[in-house]
N, C-alpha and C. Protein backbone atom coordinates (compact mmCIF):
# COMPACT_ATOMS: atom_id res chain seq x y z
N MET A 1 3.88 -48.09 -98.39
CA MET A 1 4.56 -48.23 -97.11
C MET A 1 3.59 -48.74 -96.08
N ASP A 2 4.00 -49.76 -95.33
CA ASP A 2 3.22 -50.23 -94.19
C ASP A 2 4.09 -50.09 -92.95
N LEU A 3 3.50 -49.68 -91.87
CA LEU A 3 4.23 -49.49 -90.64
C LEU A 3 4.48 -50.83 -89.96
N THR A 4 5.71 -51.05 -89.54
CA THR A 4 6.01 -52.22 -88.74
C THR A 4 5.60 -51.94 -87.29
N SER A 5 5.57 -52.97 -86.48
CA SER A 5 5.22 -52.75 -85.07
C SER A 5 6.27 -51.88 -84.38
N ASP A 6 7.55 -52.03 -84.77
CA ASP A 6 8.60 -51.19 -84.18
C ASP A 6 8.42 -49.73 -84.59
N GLN A 7 8.05 -49.50 -85.85
CA GLN A 7 7.82 -48.12 -86.30
C GLN A 7 6.62 -47.51 -85.60
N ARG A 8 5.56 -48.29 -85.46
CA ARG A 8 4.38 -47.80 -84.74
C ARG A 8 4.74 -47.42 -83.31
N ASP A 9 5.47 -48.29 -82.63
CA ASP A 9 5.84 -48.01 -81.25
C ASP A 9 6.76 -46.79 -81.18
N GLY A 10 7.68 -46.69 -82.15
CA GLY A 10 8.59 -45.55 -82.18
C GLY A 10 7.87 -44.25 -82.44
N LEU A 11 6.89 -44.26 -83.31
CA LEU A 11 6.10 -43.06 -83.59
C LEU A 11 5.31 -42.64 -82.36
N ASN A 12 4.80 -43.59 -81.62
CA ASN A 12 4.06 -43.25 -80.41
C ASN A 12 4.97 -42.59 -79.37
N ILE A 13 6.24 -42.99 -79.33
CA ILE A 13 7.20 -42.32 -78.46
C ILE A 13 7.48 -40.91 -78.97
N ALA A 14 7.74 -40.80 -80.27
CA ALA A 14 8.12 -39.51 -80.85
C ALA A 14 6.99 -38.48 -80.80
N LEU A 15 5.74 -38.94 -80.78
CA LEU A 15 4.60 -38.02 -80.78
C LEU A 15 4.06 -37.74 -79.39
N ASN A 16 4.51 -38.50 -78.40
CA ASN A 16 4.01 -38.28 -77.04
C ASN A 16 4.39 -36.90 -76.54
N GLU A 17 3.43 -36.18 -75.99
CA GLU A 17 3.58 -34.82 -75.46
C GLU A 17 3.84 -33.79 -76.56
N ALA A 18 3.57 -34.14 -77.83
CA ALA A 18 3.68 -33.15 -78.90
C ALA A 18 2.51 -32.18 -78.80
N ALA A 19 2.77 -30.92 -79.11
CA ALA A 19 1.70 -29.92 -79.15
C ALA A 19 1.03 -29.99 -80.52
N TRP A 20 -0.28 -30.18 -80.52
CA TRP A 20 -1.03 -30.25 -81.77
C TRP A 20 -1.48 -28.84 -82.13
N LEU A 21 -0.95 -28.34 -83.24
CA LEU A 21 -1.14 -26.93 -83.59
C LEU A 21 -2.18 -26.69 -84.69
N GLY A 22 -2.40 -27.64 -85.56
CA GLY A 22 -3.34 -27.40 -86.65
C GLY A 22 -3.53 -28.63 -87.52
N ILE A 23 -4.49 -28.52 -88.45
CA ILE A 23 -4.79 -29.64 -89.34
C ILE A 23 -5.37 -29.10 -90.64
N ASP A 24 -5.03 -29.77 -91.72
CA ASP A 24 -5.61 -29.47 -93.03
C ASP A 24 -6.01 -30.78 -93.68
N VAL A 25 -7.24 -30.87 -94.14
CA VAL A 25 -7.73 -32.08 -94.80
C VAL A 25 -8.08 -31.74 -96.24
N ASP A 26 -7.54 -32.51 -97.17
CA ASP A 26 -7.84 -32.36 -98.60
C ASP A 26 -8.69 -33.54 -99.02
N PRO A 27 -10.02 -33.37 -99.06
CA PRO A 27 -10.90 -34.50 -99.37
C PRO A 27 -10.65 -35.08 -100.76
N GLY A 28 -10.42 -34.20 -101.74
CA GLY A 28 -10.24 -34.67 -103.10
C GLY A 28 -9.03 -35.57 -103.27
N ALA A 29 -7.96 -35.27 -102.53
CA ALA A 29 -6.73 -36.06 -102.61
C ALA A 29 -6.68 -37.15 -101.55
N ALA A 30 -7.68 -37.20 -100.69
CA ALA A 30 -7.71 -38.17 -99.58
C ALA A 30 -6.44 -38.06 -98.74
N ARG A 31 -6.13 -36.82 -98.36
CA ARG A 31 -4.93 -36.56 -97.58
C ARG A 31 -5.27 -35.66 -96.39
N ALA A 32 -4.43 -35.75 -95.36
CA ALA A 32 -4.54 -34.87 -94.20
C ALA A 32 -3.13 -34.49 -93.76
N THR A 33 -2.97 -33.24 -93.35
CA THR A 33 -1.68 -32.75 -92.86
C THR A 33 -1.87 -32.23 -91.44
N ILE A 34 -1.07 -32.75 -90.53
CA ILE A 34 -1.15 -32.39 -89.12
C ILE A 34 0.09 -31.59 -88.75
N LEU A 35 -0.10 -30.43 -88.14
CA LEU A 35 1.02 -29.60 -87.68
C LEU A 35 1.21 -29.83 -86.18
N VAL A 36 2.42 -30.26 -85.81
CA VAL A 36 2.73 -30.54 -84.41
C VAL A 36 4.08 -29.94 -84.05
N GLU A 37 4.27 -29.72 -82.77
CA GLU A 37 5.58 -29.33 -82.24
C GLU A 37 6.02 -30.46 -81.33
N VAL A 38 7.11 -31.13 -81.70
CA VAL A 38 7.50 -32.36 -81.04
C VAL A 38 8.67 -32.15 -80.08
N LEU A 39 8.91 -33.15 -79.26
CA LEU A 39 10.08 -33.21 -78.39
C LEU A 39 11.13 -34.05 -79.10
N THR A 40 12.25 -33.44 -79.45
CA THR A 40 13.27 -34.16 -80.22
C THR A 40 14.66 -33.61 -79.90
N LEU A 41 15.65 -34.48 -80.02
CA LEU A 41 17.04 -34.09 -79.81
C LEU A 41 17.92 -34.68 -80.91
N PRO A 42 18.95 -33.95 -81.32
CA PRO A 42 19.93 -34.51 -82.24
C PRO A 42 20.91 -35.40 -81.47
N PRO A 43 21.71 -36.22 -82.17
CA PRO A 43 22.68 -37.07 -81.45
C PRO A 43 23.67 -36.25 -80.63
N VAL A 44 24.11 -35.11 -81.17
CA VAL A 44 25.02 -34.23 -80.45
C VAL A 44 24.60 -32.79 -80.70
N GLY A 45 25.06 -31.89 -79.85
CA GLY A 45 24.78 -30.49 -80.05
C GLY A 45 23.50 -30.05 -79.37
N PRO A 46 23.20 -28.76 -79.47
CA PRO A 46 22.04 -28.20 -78.77
C PRO A 46 20.72 -28.68 -79.36
N ALA A 47 19.67 -28.55 -78.56
CA ALA A 47 18.32 -28.87 -79.05
C ALA A 47 17.97 -27.92 -80.18
N PRO A 48 17.23 -28.36 -81.18
CA PRO A 48 16.87 -27.49 -82.30
C PRO A 48 15.96 -26.36 -81.86
N ASP A 49 16.10 -25.21 -82.52
CA ASP A 49 15.25 -24.07 -82.21
C ASP A 49 13.81 -24.29 -82.68
N ASP A 50 13.66 -24.93 -83.81
CA ASP A 50 12.33 -25.16 -84.38
C ASP A 50 12.06 -26.65 -84.42
N THR A 51 11.09 -27.09 -83.63
CA THR A 51 10.75 -28.51 -83.60
C THR A 51 9.35 -28.76 -84.16
N THR A 52 8.83 -27.81 -84.94
CA THR A 52 7.54 -28.05 -85.59
C THR A 52 7.74 -29.02 -86.74
N ARG A 53 6.81 -29.92 -86.88
CA ARG A 53 6.86 -30.93 -87.92
C ARG A 53 5.48 -31.08 -88.56
N LEU A 54 5.47 -31.53 -89.78
CA LEU A 54 4.22 -31.82 -90.50
C LEU A 54 4.10 -33.32 -90.69
N LEU A 55 2.97 -33.86 -90.28
CA LEU A 55 2.65 -35.26 -90.53
C LEU A 55 1.72 -35.31 -91.73
N HIS A 56 2.18 -35.90 -92.81
CA HIS A 56 1.39 -35.99 -94.03
C HIS A 56 0.79 -37.39 -94.12
N LEU A 57 -0.52 -37.48 -93.97
CA LEU A 57 -1.22 -38.75 -94.05
C LEU A 57 -1.87 -38.87 -95.43
N SER A 58 -1.62 -39.96 -96.12
CA SER A 58 -2.25 -40.19 -97.41
C SER A 58 -3.04 -41.49 -97.37
N GLY A 59 -3.87 -41.67 -98.39
CA GLY A 59 -4.78 -42.81 -98.37
C GLY A 59 -5.77 -42.69 -97.23
N VAL A 60 -6.17 -41.45 -96.93
CA VAL A 60 -7.13 -41.23 -95.83
C VAL A 60 -8.52 -41.66 -96.29
N SER A 61 -9.11 -42.55 -95.55
CA SER A 61 -10.44 -43.05 -95.91
C SER A 61 -11.56 -42.42 -95.10
N ARG A 62 -11.22 -41.93 -93.91
CA ARG A 62 -12.28 -41.40 -93.04
C ARG A 62 -11.67 -40.44 -92.02
N VAL A 63 -12.43 -39.40 -91.69
CA VAL A 63 -12.05 -38.45 -90.65
C VAL A 63 -13.26 -38.29 -89.73
N ALA A 64 -13.06 -38.53 -88.44
CA ALA A 64 -14.15 -38.38 -87.47
C ALA A 64 -13.65 -37.54 -86.30
N ALA A 65 -14.53 -36.70 -85.77
CA ALA A 65 -14.17 -35.84 -84.65
C ALA A 65 -15.36 -35.67 -83.72
N SER A 66 -15.05 -35.39 -82.48
CA SER A 66 -16.08 -35.12 -81.48
C SER A 66 -15.64 -33.93 -80.64
N LEU A 67 -16.35 -32.81 -80.79
CA LEU A 67 -16.08 -31.60 -80.01
C LEU A 67 -17.19 -31.47 -78.98
N ARG A 68 -16.82 -31.57 -77.70
CA ARG A 68 -17.81 -31.61 -76.64
C ARG A 68 -17.58 -30.49 -75.63
N ASN A 69 -18.66 -29.97 -75.11
CA ASN A 69 -18.61 -28.92 -74.09
C ASN A 69 -18.63 -29.56 -72.71
N GLY A 70 -17.46 -30.01 -72.29
CA GLY A 70 -17.34 -30.67 -71.00
C GLY A 70 -16.02 -31.40 -70.92
N LEU A 71 -15.79 -32.07 -69.82
CA LEU A 71 -14.58 -32.87 -69.65
C LEU A 71 -14.64 -34.11 -70.54
N TRP A 72 -13.49 -34.72 -70.76
CA TRP A 72 -13.40 -35.87 -71.67
C TRP A 72 -14.31 -37.03 -71.25
N ASN A 73 -14.52 -37.16 -69.94
CA ASN A 73 -15.30 -38.29 -69.43
C ASN A 73 -16.73 -37.90 -69.04
N ASP A 74 -17.17 -36.72 -69.47
CA ASP A 74 -18.53 -36.26 -69.15
C ASP A 74 -19.50 -36.84 -70.18
N ALA A 75 -20.25 -37.85 -69.80
CA ALA A 75 -21.17 -38.52 -70.72
C ALA A 75 -22.33 -37.62 -71.12
N ASN A 76 -22.56 -36.55 -70.38
CA ASN A 76 -23.68 -35.65 -70.68
C ASN A 76 -23.25 -34.37 -71.40
N ALA A 77 -21.96 -34.27 -71.74
CA ALA A 77 -21.48 -33.06 -72.41
C ALA A 77 -22.14 -32.91 -73.78
N SER A 78 -22.56 -31.70 -74.10
CA SER A 78 -23.19 -31.44 -75.39
C SER A 78 -22.14 -31.51 -76.50
N VAL A 79 -22.58 -31.92 -77.68
CA VAL A 79 -21.70 -32.10 -78.83
C VAL A 79 -21.94 -30.99 -79.84
N GLU A 80 -20.86 -30.34 -80.28
CA GLU A 80 -20.96 -29.31 -81.30
C GLU A 80 -20.72 -29.90 -82.69
N LYS A 81 -21.51 -29.50 -83.65
CA LYS A 81 -21.32 -29.94 -85.02
C LYS A 81 -20.13 -29.21 -85.64
N LEU A 82 -19.39 -29.90 -86.50
CA LEU A 82 -18.24 -29.34 -87.19
C LEU A 82 -18.28 -29.75 -88.66
N SER A 83 -17.68 -28.92 -89.50
CA SER A 83 -17.41 -29.29 -90.88
C SER A 83 -15.91 -29.44 -91.04
N LEU A 84 -15.46 -30.03 -92.14
CA LEU A 84 -14.02 -30.14 -92.37
C LEU A 84 -13.36 -28.77 -92.41
N ILE A 85 -14.06 -27.79 -92.97
CA ILE A 85 -13.50 -26.44 -93.05
C ILE A 85 -13.31 -25.84 -91.65
N GLU A 86 -14.16 -26.18 -90.73
CA GLU A 86 -14.10 -25.62 -89.38
C GLU A 86 -13.15 -26.38 -88.46
N LEU A 87 -12.66 -27.53 -88.90
CA LEU A 87 -11.88 -28.39 -88.02
C LEU A 87 -10.57 -27.73 -87.58
N ASP A 88 -9.85 -27.10 -88.49
CA ASP A 88 -8.58 -26.47 -88.13
C ASP A 88 -8.80 -25.35 -87.11
N GLU A 89 -9.83 -24.55 -87.31
CA GLU A 89 -10.13 -23.48 -86.36
C GLU A 89 -10.43 -24.04 -84.98
N ALA A 90 -11.15 -25.15 -84.94
CA ALA A 90 -11.47 -25.77 -83.66
C ALA A 90 -10.21 -26.24 -82.95
N VAL A 91 -9.27 -26.81 -83.71
CA VAL A 91 -8.00 -27.25 -83.12
C VAL A 91 -7.22 -26.06 -82.59
N ARG A 92 -7.09 -25.02 -83.40
CA ARG A 92 -6.29 -23.86 -83.01
C ARG A 92 -6.90 -23.12 -81.82
N HIS A 93 -8.19 -23.25 -81.61
CA HIS A 93 -8.86 -22.60 -80.47
C HIS A 93 -8.27 -23.08 -79.15
N PHE A 94 -7.74 -24.30 -79.11
CA PHE A 94 -7.19 -24.83 -77.86
C PHE A 94 -5.78 -24.32 -77.59
N GLY A 95 -5.14 -23.70 -78.58
CA GLY A 95 -3.84 -23.08 -78.36
C GLY A 95 -2.66 -24.02 -78.34
N GLY A 96 -2.80 -25.20 -78.93
CA GLY A 96 -1.65 -26.11 -79.02
C GLY A 96 -1.40 -26.90 -77.76
N CYS A 97 -2.42 -27.54 -77.23
CA CYS A 97 -2.25 -28.39 -76.05
C CYS A 97 -1.53 -29.69 -76.44
N PRO A 98 -0.76 -30.25 -75.52
CA PRO A 98 -0.04 -31.49 -75.84
C PRO A 98 -0.97 -32.69 -75.91
N VAL A 99 -0.59 -33.64 -76.75
CA VAL A 99 -1.25 -34.95 -76.78
C VAL A 99 -0.33 -35.92 -76.03
N TYR A 100 -0.91 -36.87 -75.37
CA TYR A 100 -0.09 -37.77 -74.55
C TYR A 100 -0.79 -39.10 -74.41
N GLY A 101 -0.09 -40.06 -73.81
CA GLY A 101 -0.67 -41.36 -73.57
C GLY A 101 0.08 -42.50 -74.23
N TRP A 102 1.06 -42.18 -75.08
CA TRP A 102 1.92 -43.18 -75.71
C TRP A 102 1.20 -44.08 -76.70
N GLU A 103 -0.06 -43.84 -76.98
CA GLU A 103 -0.82 -44.69 -77.91
C GLU A 103 -1.65 -43.80 -78.83
N LEU A 104 -1.00 -43.24 -79.84
CA LEU A 104 -1.65 -42.33 -80.77
C LEU A 104 -1.82 -42.96 -82.15
N ILE A 105 -0.85 -43.75 -82.55
CA ILE A 105 -0.93 -44.51 -83.80
C ILE A 105 -1.45 -45.91 -83.47
N ASP A 106 -2.55 -46.30 -84.12
CA ASP A 106 -3.16 -47.62 -83.91
C ASP A 106 -3.36 -47.94 -82.43
N PRO A 107 -4.10 -47.07 -81.73
CA PRO A 107 -4.32 -47.28 -80.29
C PRO A 107 -5.35 -48.39 -80.05
N PRO A 108 -5.54 -48.79 -78.79
CA PRO A 108 -6.55 -49.79 -78.47
C PRO A 108 -7.94 -49.35 -78.89
N SER A 109 -8.78 -50.29 -79.28
CA SER A 109 -10.10 -49.99 -79.83
C SER A 109 -11.01 -49.30 -78.83
N GLN A 110 -10.77 -49.47 -77.54
CA GLN A 110 -11.65 -48.85 -76.55
C GLN A 110 -11.58 -47.33 -76.57
N ARG A 111 -10.46 -46.79 -77.07
CA ARG A 111 -10.37 -45.33 -77.20
C ARG A 111 -11.48 -44.81 -78.11
N TRP A 112 -11.65 -45.46 -79.25
CA TRP A 112 -12.67 -45.08 -80.22
C TRP A 112 -14.07 -45.36 -79.68
N ALA A 113 -14.22 -46.47 -79.00
CA ALA A 113 -15.53 -46.85 -78.47
C ALA A 113 -16.06 -45.83 -77.48
N ALA A 114 -15.15 -45.08 -76.82
CA ALA A 114 -15.57 -44.13 -75.78
C ALA A 114 -16.30 -42.92 -76.35
N TRP A 115 -16.10 -42.60 -77.66
CA TRP A 115 -16.75 -41.38 -78.18
C TRP A 115 -17.34 -41.53 -79.57
N ARG A 116 -17.31 -42.70 -80.13
CA ARG A 116 -17.76 -42.88 -81.52
C ARG A 116 -19.25 -42.63 -81.72
N ASP A 117 -20.02 -42.64 -80.63
CA ASP A 117 -21.45 -42.38 -80.75
C ASP A 117 -21.80 -40.92 -80.46
N ARG A 118 -20.75 -40.05 -80.38
CA ARG A 118 -20.97 -38.62 -80.11
C ARG A 118 -20.15 -37.79 -81.09
N LEU A 119 -20.45 -37.92 -82.37
CA LEU A 119 -19.62 -37.33 -83.40
C LEU A 119 -20.09 -35.95 -83.82
N SER A 120 -19.14 -35.05 -83.94
CA SER A 120 -19.38 -33.72 -84.50
C SER A 120 -19.18 -33.73 -86.00
N LEU A 121 -18.34 -34.64 -86.45
CA LEU A 121 -17.91 -34.72 -87.85
C LEU A 121 -17.61 -36.17 -88.17
N ASP A 122 -18.09 -36.65 -89.31
CA ASP A 122 -17.78 -38.00 -89.76
C ASP A 122 -17.83 -38.00 -91.29
N VAL A 123 -16.64 -37.94 -91.90
CA VAL A 123 -16.55 -37.81 -93.35
C VAL A 123 -15.77 -38.99 -93.91
N HIS A 124 -16.39 -39.68 -94.87
CA HIS A 124 -15.73 -40.78 -95.58
C HIS A 124 -15.16 -40.24 -96.88
N LEU A 125 -13.83 -40.35 -97.04
CA LEU A 125 -13.15 -39.80 -98.20
C LEU A 125 -12.85 -40.85 -99.26
N SER A 126 -12.85 -42.10 -98.87
CA SER A 126 -12.49 -43.16 -99.81
C SER A 126 -13.10 -44.46 -99.36
N THR A 127 -13.35 -45.33 -100.32
CA THR A 127 -13.85 -46.67 -100.00
C THR A 127 -12.70 -47.66 -99.85
N GLU A 128 -11.47 -47.20 -100.17
CA GLU A 128 -10.31 -48.07 -100.03
C GLU A 128 -10.01 -48.30 -98.54
N PRO A 129 -9.69 -49.52 -98.16
CA PRO A 129 -9.39 -49.78 -96.75
C PRO A 129 -8.11 -49.08 -96.32
N ALA A 130 -8.12 -48.56 -95.10
CA ALA A 130 -6.95 -47.89 -94.53
C ALA A 130 -6.49 -48.71 -93.32
N PRO A 131 -5.24 -49.18 -93.33
CA PRO A 131 -4.79 -50.10 -92.29
C PRO A 131 -4.42 -49.46 -90.96
N HIS A 132 -4.31 -48.11 -90.93
CA HIS A 132 -3.85 -47.45 -89.71
C HIS A 132 -4.80 -46.34 -89.28
N VAL A 133 -4.72 -45.99 -88.01
CA VAL A 133 -5.48 -44.84 -87.50
C VAL A 133 -4.55 -43.97 -86.66
N LEU A 134 -4.85 -42.68 -86.65
CA LEU A 134 -4.19 -41.71 -85.79
C LEU A 134 -5.25 -41.09 -84.91
N ASP A 135 -5.05 -41.17 -83.60
CA ASP A 135 -5.95 -40.55 -82.64
C ASP A 135 -5.26 -39.36 -81.98
N LEU A 136 -5.91 -38.20 -82.00
CA LEU A 136 -5.41 -37.01 -81.34
C LEU A 136 -6.52 -36.39 -80.51
N PHE A 137 -6.16 -35.53 -79.58
CA PHE A 137 -7.18 -34.87 -78.77
C PHE A 137 -6.66 -33.53 -78.29
N GLN A 138 -7.58 -32.68 -77.87
CA GLN A 138 -7.28 -31.42 -77.22
C GLN A 138 -8.26 -31.24 -76.07
N GLU A 139 -7.78 -30.67 -74.98
CA GLU A 139 -8.67 -30.40 -73.86
C GLU A 139 -8.23 -29.10 -73.20
N GLY A 140 -9.20 -28.31 -72.78
CA GLY A 140 -8.85 -27.05 -72.17
C GLY A 140 -10.05 -26.38 -71.53
N GLY A 141 -9.74 -25.33 -70.76
CA GLY A 141 -10.80 -24.57 -70.10
C GLY A 141 -11.09 -25.13 -68.73
N SER A 142 -10.87 -24.34 -67.71
CA SER A 142 -11.16 -24.79 -66.35
C SER A 142 -12.59 -24.45 -65.94
N ASP A 143 -13.01 -23.23 -66.26
CA ASP A 143 -14.37 -22.82 -65.92
C ASP A 143 -15.39 -23.39 -66.90
N ASN A 144 -15.02 -23.41 -68.18
CA ASN A 144 -15.90 -23.95 -69.21
C ASN A 144 -15.11 -24.97 -70.05
N PRO A 145 -14.94 -26.17 -69.51
CA PRO A 145 -14.09 -27.15 -70.19
C PRO A 145 -14.68 -27.59 -71.53
N ARG A 146 -13.77 -27.84 -72.49
CA ARG A 146 -14.14 -28.38 -73.80
C ARG A 146 -13.16 -29.49 -74.13
N HIS A 147 -13.58 -30.41 -74.97
CA HIS A 147 -12.72 -31.53 -75.34
C HIS A 147 -12.96 -31.87 -76.80
N LEU A 148 -11.86 -32.09 -77.53
CA LEU A 148 -11.92 -32.48 -78.93
C LEU A 148 -11.19 -33.78 -79.14
N ASP A 149 -11.87 -34.77 -79.69
CA ASP A 149 -11.25 -36.02 -80.09
C ASP A 149 -11.24 -36.09 -81.61
N LEU A 150 -10.17 -36.64 -82.17
CA LEU A 150 -10.05 -36.81 -83.62
C LEU A 150 -9.51 -38.19 -83.93
N ARG A 151 -10.07 -38.81 -84.95
CA ARG A 151 -9.52 -40.08 -85.46
C ARG A 151 -9.47 -39.99 -86.98
N ILE A 152 -8.29 -40.34 -87.53
CA ILE A 152 -8.08 -40.38 -88.98
C ILE A 152 -7.63 -41.78 -89.37
N TRP A 153 -8.32 -42.36 -90.32
CA TRP A 153 -7.94 -43.65 -90.89
C TRP A 153 -7.05 -43.37 -92.10
N PHE A 154 -5.86 -43.95 -92.16
CA PHE A 154 -4.91 -43.62 -93.22
C PHE A 154 -4.09 -44.84 -93.63
N SER A 155 -3.37 -44.68 -94.75
CA SER A 155 -2.53 -45.77 -95.26
C SER A 155 -1.05 -45.50 -95.09
N THR A 156 -0.60 -44.28 -95.40
CA THR A 156 0.83 -43.99 -95.34
C THR A 156 1.08 -42.69 -94.59
N LEU A 157 2.29 -42.58 -94.04
CA LEU A 157 2.68 -41.42 -93.23
C LEU A 157 4.04 -40.92 -93.70
N LEU A 158 4.14 -39.61 -93.92
CA LEU A 158 5.39 -38.95 -94.28
C LEU A 158 5.57 -37.78 -93.32
N VAL A 159 6.79 -37.58 -92.83
CA VAL A 159 7.09 -36.49 -91.90
C VAL A 159 8.02 -35.50 -92.59
N THR A 160 7.72 -34.22 -92.46
CA THR A 160 8.59 -33.18 -93.03
C THR A 160 8.78 -32.03 -92.05
N HIS A 161 9.81 -31.21 -92.36
CA HIS A 161 9.94 -29.91 -91.72
C HIS A 161 8.90 -28.97 -92.32
N ARG A 162 8.75 -27.79 -91.73
CA ARG A 162 7.84 -26.78 -92.29
C ARG A 162 8.22 -26.42 -93.72
N THR A 163 9.52 -26.50 -94.02
CA THR A 163 10.01 -26.15 -95.34
C THR A 163 9.63 -27.16 -96.41
N GLY A 164 9.14 -28.31 -95.97
CA GLY A 164 8.80 -29.38 -96.91
C GLY A 164 9.88 -30.43 -97.03
N GLU A 165 11.02 -30.21 -96.39
CA GLU A 165 12.11 -31.19 -96.44
C GLU A 165 11.71 -32.44 -95.67
N GLU A 166 11.80 -33.58 -96.35
CA GLU A 166 11.38 -34.83 -95.73
C GLU A 166 12.35 -35.27 -94.64
N ILE A 167 11.78 -35.81 -93.57
CA ILE A 167 12.56 -36.40 -92.48
C ILE A 167 12.34 -37.91 -92.54
N PRO A 168 13.39 -38.68 -92.78
CA PRO A 168 13.21 -40.14 -92.78
C PRO A 168 12.51 -40.60 -91.50
N LEU A 169 11.64 -41.56 -91.63
CA LEU A 169 10.82 -41.97 -90.50
C LEU A 169 11.68 -42.41 -89.31
N GLN A 170 12.73 -43.16 -89.57
CA GLN A 170 13.57 -43.63 -88.47
C GLN A 170 14.29 -42.47 -87.80
N GLU A 171 14.68 -41.47 -88.58
CA GLU A 171 15.32 -40.28 -88.00
C GLU A 171 14.35 -39.54 -87.09
N PHE A 172 13.11 -39.43 -87.51
CA PHE A 172 12.08 -38.78 -86.69
C PHE A 172 11.88 -39.55 -85.39
N ILE A 173 11.79 -40.86 -85.50
CA ILE A 173 11.61 -41.71 -84.32
C ILE A 173 12.82 -41.60 -83.39
N ASP A 174 14.02 -41.64 -83.97
CA ASP A 174 15.23 -41.59 -83.14
C ASP A 174 15.33 -40.28 -82.37
N GLY A 175 14.93 -39.16 -83.01
CA GLY A 175 14.98 -37.88 -82.33
C GLY A 175 14.08 -37.85 -81.11
N GLY A 176 12.87 -38.41 -81.23
CA GLY A 176 11.96 -38.47 -80.10
C GLY A 176 12.44 -39.41 -79.02
N THR A 177 12.98 -40.54 -79.43
CA THR A 177 13.49 -41.51 -78.46
C THR A 177 14.65 -40.91 -77.67
N ARG A 178 15.53 -40.18 -78.37
CA ARG A 178 16.65 -39.54 -77.67
C ARG A 178 16.15 -38.54 -76.64
N TRP A 179 15.07 -37.81 -76.96
CA TRP A 179 14.57 -36.82 -76.00
C TRP A 179 14.09 -37.52 -74.73
N TRP A 180 13.31 -38.57 -74.89
CA TRP A 180 12.78 -39.24 -73.71
C TRP A 180 13.87 -39.96 -72.93
N ASP A 181 14.84 -40.56 -73.65
CA ASP A 181 15.98 -41.17 -72.96
C ASP A 181 16.78 -40.09 -72.24
N GLY A 182 16.91 -38.92 -72.89
CA GLY A 182 17.65 -37.82 -72.27
C GLY A 182 16.97 -37.29 -71.02
N LEU A 183 15.64 -37.28 -71.04
CA LEU A 183 14.91 -36.83 -69.85
C LEU A 183 15.25 -37.69 -68.65
N HIS A 184 15.27 -39.00 -68.86
CA HIS A 184 15.54 -39.91 -67.75
C HIS A 184 17.03 -39.93 -67.38
N ALA A 185 17.87 -39.42 -68.27
CA ALA A 185 19.30 -39.37 -67.99
C ALA A 185 19.75 -37.99 -67.54
N ASP A 186 18.78 -37.11 -67.24
CA ASP A 186 19.07 -35.74 -66.79
C ASP A 186 19.84 -34.94 -67.83
N ASP A 187 19.57 -35.17 -69.10
CA ASP A 187 20.18 -34.39 -70.17
C ASP A 187 19.64 -32.96 -70.07
N PRO A 188 20.49 -31.96 -69.88
CA PRO A 188 20.01 -30.59 -69.71
C PRO A 188 19.26 -30.05 -70.93
N ARG A 189 19.43 -30.69 -72.08
CA ARG A 189 18.75 -30.23 -73.29
C ARG A 189 17.24 -30.47 -73.23
N THR A 190 16.79 -31.29 -72.28
CA THR A 190 15.36 -31.56 -72.15
C THR A 190 14.67 -30.61 -71.18
N GLY A 191 15.41 -29.68 -70.61
CA GLY A 191 14.85 -28.76 -69.63
C GLY A 191 13.93 -27.73 -70.24
N GLY A 192 13.14 -27.12 -69.40
CA GLY A 192 12.27 -26.03 -69.83
C GLY A 192 10.97 -26.46 -70.48
N LYS A 193 10.65 -27.74 -70.45
CA LYS A 193 9.42 -28.24 -71.07
C LYS A 193 8.34 -28.55 -70.05
N GLY A 194 8.67 -28.43 -68.78
CA GLY A 194 7.67 -28.72 -67.75
C GLY A 194 7.36 -30.19 -67.59
N ILE A 195 8.28 -31.06 -68.03
CA ILE A 195 8.08 -32.51 -67.95
C ILE A 195 9.16 -33.09 -67.07
N ALA A 196 8.76 -33.85 -66.07
CA ALA A 196 9.72 -34.49 -65.16
C ALA A 196 9.63 -36.00 -65.33
N PRO A 197 10.75 -36.71 -65.18
CA PRO A 197 10.73 -38.16 -65.31
C PRO A 197 9.95 -38.80 -64.16
N LEU A 198 9.33 -39.92 -64.46
CA LEU A 198 8.62 -40.69 -63.44
C LEU A 198 9.47 -41.88 -63.06
N PHE A 199 9.64 -42.08 -61.79
CA PHE A 199 10.44 -43.19 -61.33
C PHE A 199 9.61 -44.09 -60.43
N GLY A 200 9.89 -45.42 -60.63
CA GLY A 200 9.33 -46.49 -59.82
C GLY A 200 8.02 -46.20 -59.23
C-alpha cells in the first residue's frame, strides 16, 4: 500500500489534535504501534464513547526521538538518552497531550531539521527504504518544561480499534473530517473538547 496525496492529507486531518497515549516498537518485525485518542464522528447518531485507535506502522526502517528538558524551541535544552524499551514510558509520562499542526504524515523537512542533531534515540530497524514518515510530539510542564519529538520512517499504515478490528483507511479519514467540519458547523457532538473554530 502506498499513500496517495489525498490519503496523506486526510490522515493529517484525522490525526490533528489526537491525544498520543502510547507506543510499542517491535524491532524484529520492523513494526510500530501508536495508541491515540482521535476526534471522530459517525455520519449520524451520537459521538462514539471510545475513540481510541491503534496506528499500526509496518516496514519501519528507523525510529528517532529527542527528549529535551526545556521548551520545544530552547536550543540549550539538555537531551535525555532513551532506549526503545523506555520510549513508551516517556510518552505516557506526558499524560496524553494532543498533537497538532495538520502536518504529521510526511511533514515538511524543516520539522526534522529542527531537532535531528539532538537525538535521545536513533535506531535503524531495516535497510529497506521507507517512503513515509510520521512525526509526533509531546510537550508539558510549566515550571519544568519537557519536550519529546518522535519520527518514524515507515512503508504501510493500518488503523484498528483497540479490539483489533480494522478500520478502512477512508472510513478513518472520513470520521475525522466529519468532526472538523462539524466543529465549524456548530455540531453539538463536537462540544466538550476545548476546541473552538477559528474564523477569518
